């Protein structure tokens, strides 16, 4: 077993690698530009939401609050008529990416920490690069990617968006695996 303290450098380095690669993916490559589409009348929808006084949060249209209400004929008619939507609303104001980038880096550190935790229980000092790479890559790929799948299963998110997220997760997993394999004590 390897102590988590001895894995502090690969934890931080792998998070930095993921942060850099994710920045390149989202700022240079263009394959995520199709993840969202413009509403037919974006200004009218935004104005309608403002008029309702909707607060930041997650919403469902139509909404039902109990399993029994899913059988209510009025609810079923709304579903049948459509449109049906899941909507996340956040407050207006200046666009500041700083806090989101900080949270993303924190998440990357968290994934790397738990990857290190599993690796420390599996491998001793001097473990083979490829063995460390395989386990680190699998664990971190799962952490970065598998959470996206239920959104396509349950909430109708486009499968193409989920596949792109899984591709990103694979790249992040490979970066994490490379850092741990390279810096393994």
Foldseek 3Di string as FASTA:
>chain_A
DDDLVLCPVLLLQLLVLLLVVVCCCPPPNCPCVVQDDADPCNVVVVVVCVVVVDAFDKDKVPDDDDPVCCPPPVNVVRVVVDDIAIDGDHDDDDDDCVVVSVVSSVLSSVLLSVLSVVCRVPDDAPDALVVQLVSQLVSQLCSQQVVLVVCCVPVVRDVVNSVVSSVSSNVSSNSSSNSCSVSGD
